[in-house]
Amino acid sequence: MKKVVFIILISCAFVKASAQTGIGTTTPDVSAKLDVASTTKGLLIPRMTSAQRTAIASPANALLVYQIDGVIGFYLNSGTSASPIWVRLNADWTKTGNDISFTTGNISTTGNLTGGNATTSTISGFAANFNSITSGTSYTLLAADNGKIVNINVSSAFALTIPTGLPVGFNCTVVQYGTGQISLNASGTTLKNRNTFTKSAGQYSIITIINMGLETYISSGEMSN
């Protein structure tokens, strides 16, 4: 009888021990498989380089490592073992309610940024960028000029070329800030103006240029011939 009772007690103890494991505690939380308790030490996650992380064979979903080179931080596999997707866990973004903000660095994307497509959807807090030209007699617009104010402050005649290859929807504002008149030249593109004007009207005049697609541009503003 004693032998039977002993076996039952051992079995119960084994079941209890296998339910939760505690390190630094004899009473692990019932919701945790592993409960590590300490007030003086932390939990050290495997540390490795980016190359070592990507070389992990068949990484499990939710596998967590700490990368020590490149963009340093914790990385988690949000994909599958066959198609891992390593995502860096970071605190760069600040969340308040439904709003998120980014306080340092730059944000870039090769895809699209999509708004709410409503009258209440706005972009705010962005300063207009200047491309200030103070010398020379000519300039060819670049994709980097999209959305910029191209300020031409020269004293002699100036040729502004609109080339092929700029993105559809490209637009910029050109200012003749100096006394040199600006002439718009199309290079492989079609330039349209309701009055067939191709030059700025005079000092402090403003011209808007918009790419309507198919290498066709519309110019408008204070212009003349």
Protein backbone atom coordinates (compact mmCIF):
# COMPACT_ATOMS: atom_id res chain seq x y z
CA MET A 1 0.00 0.00 0.00
CA LYS A 2 2.83 2.39 0.89
CA LYS A 3 4.44 1.63 -2.42
CA VAL A 4 1.25 2.55 -4.30
CA VAL A 5 0.88 5.82 -2.39
CA PHE A 6 4.53 6.70 -3.12
CA ILE A 7 4.07 6.09 -6.83
CA ILE A 8 0.94 8.27 -6.85
CA LEU A 9 2.76 11.12 -5.06
CA ILE A 10 5.71 10.91 -7.45
CA SER A 11 3.32 10.95 -10.43
CA CYS A 12 1.51 14.01 -9.09
CA ALA A 13 4.80 15.80 -8.49
CA PHE A 14 5.96 14.97 -12.02
CA VAL A 15 2.71 16.28 -13.55
CA LYS A 16 3.01 19.49 -11.53
CA ALA A 17 6.66 19.96 -12.48
CA SER A 18 6.01 19.33 -16.16
CA ALA A 19 3.16 21.89 -16.25
CA GLN A 20 5.38 24.93 -15.52
CA THR A 21 9.08 25.42 -15.03
CA GLY A 22 10.45 28.05 -12.72
CA ILE A 23 13.95 29.51 -12.64
CA GLY A 24 14.55 31.60 -9.56
CA THR A 25 11.06 30.80 -8.30
CA THR A 26 9.34 27.78 -6.84
CA THR A 27 5.91 29.06 -7.85
CA PRO A 28 5.99 29.72 -11.61
CA ASP A 29 2.99 31.51 -13.05
CA VAL A 30 0.32 29.06 -14.17
CA SER A 31 0.03 30.82 -17.54
CA ALA A 32 3.72 30.41 -18.36
CA LYS A 33 5.57 27.33 -19.47
CA LEU A 34 8.79 28.95 -18.29
CA ASP A 35 8.90 31.60 -15.56
CA VAL A 36 12.27 33.27 -14.97
CA ALA A 37 12.32 35.41 -11.85
CA SER A 38 15.10 37.77 -10.76
CA THR A 39 15.54 41.29 -9.44
CA THR A 40 19.24 41.48 -10.28
CA LYS A 41 19.65 39.71 -13.65
CA GLY A 42 17.98 39.59 -17.04
CA LEU A 43 17.27 37.10 -19.80
CA LEU A 44 20.01 36.93 -22.44
CA ILE A 45 18.79 36.17 -25.97
CA PRO A 46 21.23 34.60 -28.49
CA ARG A 47 23.39 37.30 -30.11
CA MET A 48 24.64 37.02 -33.68
CA THR A 49 25.51 38.91 -36.85
CA SER A 50 23.09 39.51 -39.72
CA ALA A 51 24.85 36.81 -41.77
CA GLN A 52 24.55 34.32 -38.93
CA ARG A 53 20.87 35.13 -38.49
CA THR A 54 20.05 34.63 -42.16
CA ALA A 55 22.05 31.39 -42.14
CA ILE A 56 19.79 29.80 -39.53
CA ALA A 57 18.33 26.68 -41.16
CA SER A 58 14.53 26.51 -41.16
CA PRO A 59 13.98 29.13 -38.44
CA ALA A 60 10.73 28.58 -36.59
CA ASN A 61 7.95 31.12 -36.69
CA ALA A 62 8.41 33.56 -33.77
CA LEU A 63 12.11 32.68 -33.41
CA LEU A 64 13.83 35.60 -31.67
CA VAL A 65 17.50 36.64 -31.88
CA TYR A 66 19.53 39.79 -31.19
CA GLN A 67 21.53 41.14 -34.14
CA ILE A 68 24.83 42.80 -33.22
CA ASP A 69 25.76 44.40 -36.56
CA GLY A 70 24.06 46.42 -39.31
CA VAL A 71 20.80 47.73 -37.89
CA ILE A 72 21.24 46.43 -34.35
CA GLY A 73 18.27 45.08 -32.43
CA PHE A 74 15.91 42.19 -31.76
CA TYR A 75 14.72 40.32 -34.85
CA LEU A 76 11.72 38.00 -34.98
CA ASN A 77 10.75 35.58 -37.74
CA SER A 78 7.17 36.51 -38.62
CA GLY A 79 7.18 34.12 -41.56
CA THR A 80 7.47 30.34 -41.76
CA SER A 81 10.49 28.11 -41.44
CA ALA A 82 10.43 27.60 -45.21
CA SER A 83 9.97 31.31 -45.99
CA PRO A 84 11.31 33.33 -43.08
CA ILE A 85 10.47 37.02 -42.77
CA TRP A 86 12.77 38.70 -40.27
CA VAL A 87 11.21 41.75 -38.65
CA ARG A 88 13.17 44.08 -36.39
CA LEU A 89 11.43 44.89 -33.13
CA ASN A 90 12.11 48.51 -32.28
CA ALA A 91 11.00 51.49 -30.27
CA ASP A 92 11.66 54.07 -33.01
CA TRP A 93 7.92 54.64 -33.41
CA THR A 94 5.86 56.23 -30.66
CA LYS A 95 2.21 55.18 -30.42
CA THR A 96 -0.47 57.34 -28.82
CA GLY A 97 -3.99 55.98 -29.25
CA ASN A 98 -4.41 55.40 -32.98
CA ASP A 99 -1.57 57.78 -33.86
CA ILE A 100 2.06 56.81 -34.46
CA SER A 101 5.03 59.13 -34.84
CA PHE A 102 8.66 58.85 -35.84
CA THR A 103 11.00 61.26 -34.10
CA THR A 104 14.40 60.69 -35.72
CA GLY A 105 15.84 59.57 -39.02
CA ASN A 106 14.12 59.28 -42.40
CA ILE A 107 11.19 57.31 -43.73
CA SER A 108 11.39 55.89 -47.24
CA THR A 109 9.41 53.46 -49.35
CA THR A 110 9.55 51.97 -52.82
CA GLY A 111 5.79 51.39 -52.71
CA ASN A 112 2.84 53.73 -52.26
CA LEU A 113 1.69 55.87 -49.37
CA THR A 114 -2.09 55.74 -49.18
CA GLY A 115 -4.29 58.31 -47.49
CA GLY A 116 -7.92 58.20 -46.51
CA ASN A 117 -8.99 59.68 -49.86
CA ALA A 118 -11.34 62.06 -48.09
CA THR A 119 -11.60 65.82 -47.67
CA THR A 120 -10.32 65.41 -44.11
CA SER A 121 -7.15 63.59 -45.23
CA THR A 122 -4.27 66.06 -45.09
CA ILE A 123 -0.49 66.23 -45.13
CA SER A 124 0.88 68.71 -42.64
CA GLY A 125 4.12 69.66 -40.96
CA PHE A 126 6.23 69.53 -44.13
CA ALA A 127 8.24 72.53 -45.29
CA ALA A 128 8.54 73.28 -48.99
CA ASN A 129 12.00 72.34 -50.29
CA PHE A 130 14.03 74.82 -52.26
CA ASN A 131 16.42 74.16 -55.11
CA SER A 132 18.15 77.51 -55.28
CA ILE A 133 20.18 78.17 -58.46
CA THR A 134 22.43 81.21 -58.22
CA SER A 135 24.88 80.72 -61.08
CA GLY A 136 25.15 79.32 -64.59
CA THR A 137 22.95 79.75 -67.65
CA SER A 138 21.06 76.44 -67.76
CA TYR A 139 19.59 73.64 -65.67
CA THR A 140 17.80 70.35 -66.40
CA LEU A 141 15.02 69.33 -64.06
CA LEU A 142 15.60 66.15 -62.02
CA ALA A 143 13.20 63.70 -60.40
CA ALA A 144 14.51 65.09 -57.09
CA ASP A 145 12.91 68.44 -57.99
CA ASN A 146 9.44 66.92 -57.72
CA GLY A 147 7.35 69.08 -55.39
CA LYS A 148 10.12 71.64 -54.96
CA ILE A 149 10.39 75.35 -55.55
CA VAL A 150 13.11 75.84 -58.15
CA ASN A 151 14.39 79.31 -57.38
CA ILE A 152 16.48 80.75 -60.24
CA ASN A 153 18.35 83.79 -59.05
CA VAL A 154 20.66 84.83 -61.91
CA SER A 155 21.16 88.05 -63.84
CA SER A 156 21.48 86.62 -67.38
CA ALA A 157 19.14 84.65 -69.64
CA PHE A 158 18.58 81.14 -68.31
CA ALA A 159 17.47 77.92 -70.05
CA LEU A 160 15.41 75.44 -68.00
CA THR A 161 15.14 72.03 -69.69
CA ILE A 162 12.28 69.56 -69.13
CA PRO A 163 13.70 66.10 -69.95
CA THR A 164 12.14 62.70 -70.48
CA GLY A 165 11.88 60.20 -67.65
CA LEU A 166 10.41 62.35 -64.92
CA PRO A 167 7.60 60.61 -62.98
CA VAL A 168 3.98 61.09 -64.00
CA GLY A 169 2.50 63.76 -61.77
CA PHE A 170 5.86 65.48 -61.42
CA ASN A 171 5.29 69.09 -60.51
CA CYS A 172 7.42 72.01 -59.45
CA THR A 173 7.19 75.75 -59.06
CA VAL A 174 9.78 77.83 -60.89
CA VAL A 175 10.58 81.33 -59.67
CA GLN A 176 12.48 83.95 -61.65
CA TYR A 177 13.99 85.63 -58.63
CA GLY A 178 16.76 87.39 -60.53
CA THR A 179 16.68 89.63 -63.58
CA GLY A 180 17.58 86.85 -66.02
CA GLN A 181 14.57 85.68 -68.02
CA ILE A 182 13.87 81.94 -67.94
CA SER A 183 13.17 79.99 -71.14
CA LEU A 184 11.50 76.57 -70.91
CA ASN A 185 12.99 73.97 -73.26
CA ALA A 186 11.44 70.56 -73.94
CA SER A 187 13.95 67.76 -74.53
CA GLY A 188 12.07 64.77 -75.95
CA THR A 189 8.94 66.00 -74.19
CA THR A 190 5.89 68.02 -75.21
CA LEU A 191 5.32 71.33 -73.48
CA LYS A 192 1.84 72.85 -73.61
CA ASN A 193 0.76 76.33 -72.58
CA ARG A 194 -2.63 77.88 -73.26
CA ASN A 195 -0.99 80.95 -74.80
CA THR A 196 2.00 79.08 -76.27
CA PHE A 197 4.25 81.04 -73.92
CA THR A 198 7.65 79.56 -73.14
CA LYS A 199 9.34 82.24 -71.01
CA SER A 200 8.95 83.84 -67.63
CA ALA A 201 7.26 87.25 -67.65
CA GLY A 202 9.92 89.03 -65.63
CA GLN A 203 11.62 89.26 -62.27
CA TYR A 204 9.65 87.65 -59.43
CA SER A 205 7.34 85.83 -61.84
CA ILE A 206 6.17 82.30 -60.98
CA ILE A 207 5.68 79.33 -63.32
CA THR A 208 4.10 75.97 -62.50
CA ILE A 209 5.15 72.85 -64.44
CA ILE A 210 3.13 69.59 -64.28
CA ASN A 211 3.79 66.21 -65.95
CA MET A 212 0.44 64.93 -67.26
CA GLY A 213 1.88 61.62 -68.50
CA LEU A 214 3.10 60.41 -71.90
CA GLU A 215 5.94 62.96 -71.58
CA THR A 216 3.44 65.80 -71.87
CA TYR A 217 3.85 68.82 -69.62
CA ILE A 218 1.65 71.81 -68.91
CA SER A 219 3.18 75.11 -67.92
CA SER A 220 1.18 77.92 -66.43
CA GLY A 221 1.65 81.17 -64.58
CA GLU A 222 3.28 84.52 -65.24
CA MET A 223 4.70 83.83 -68.70
CA SER A 224 5.41 85.57 -71.98
CA ASN A 225 7.36 85.12 -75.25
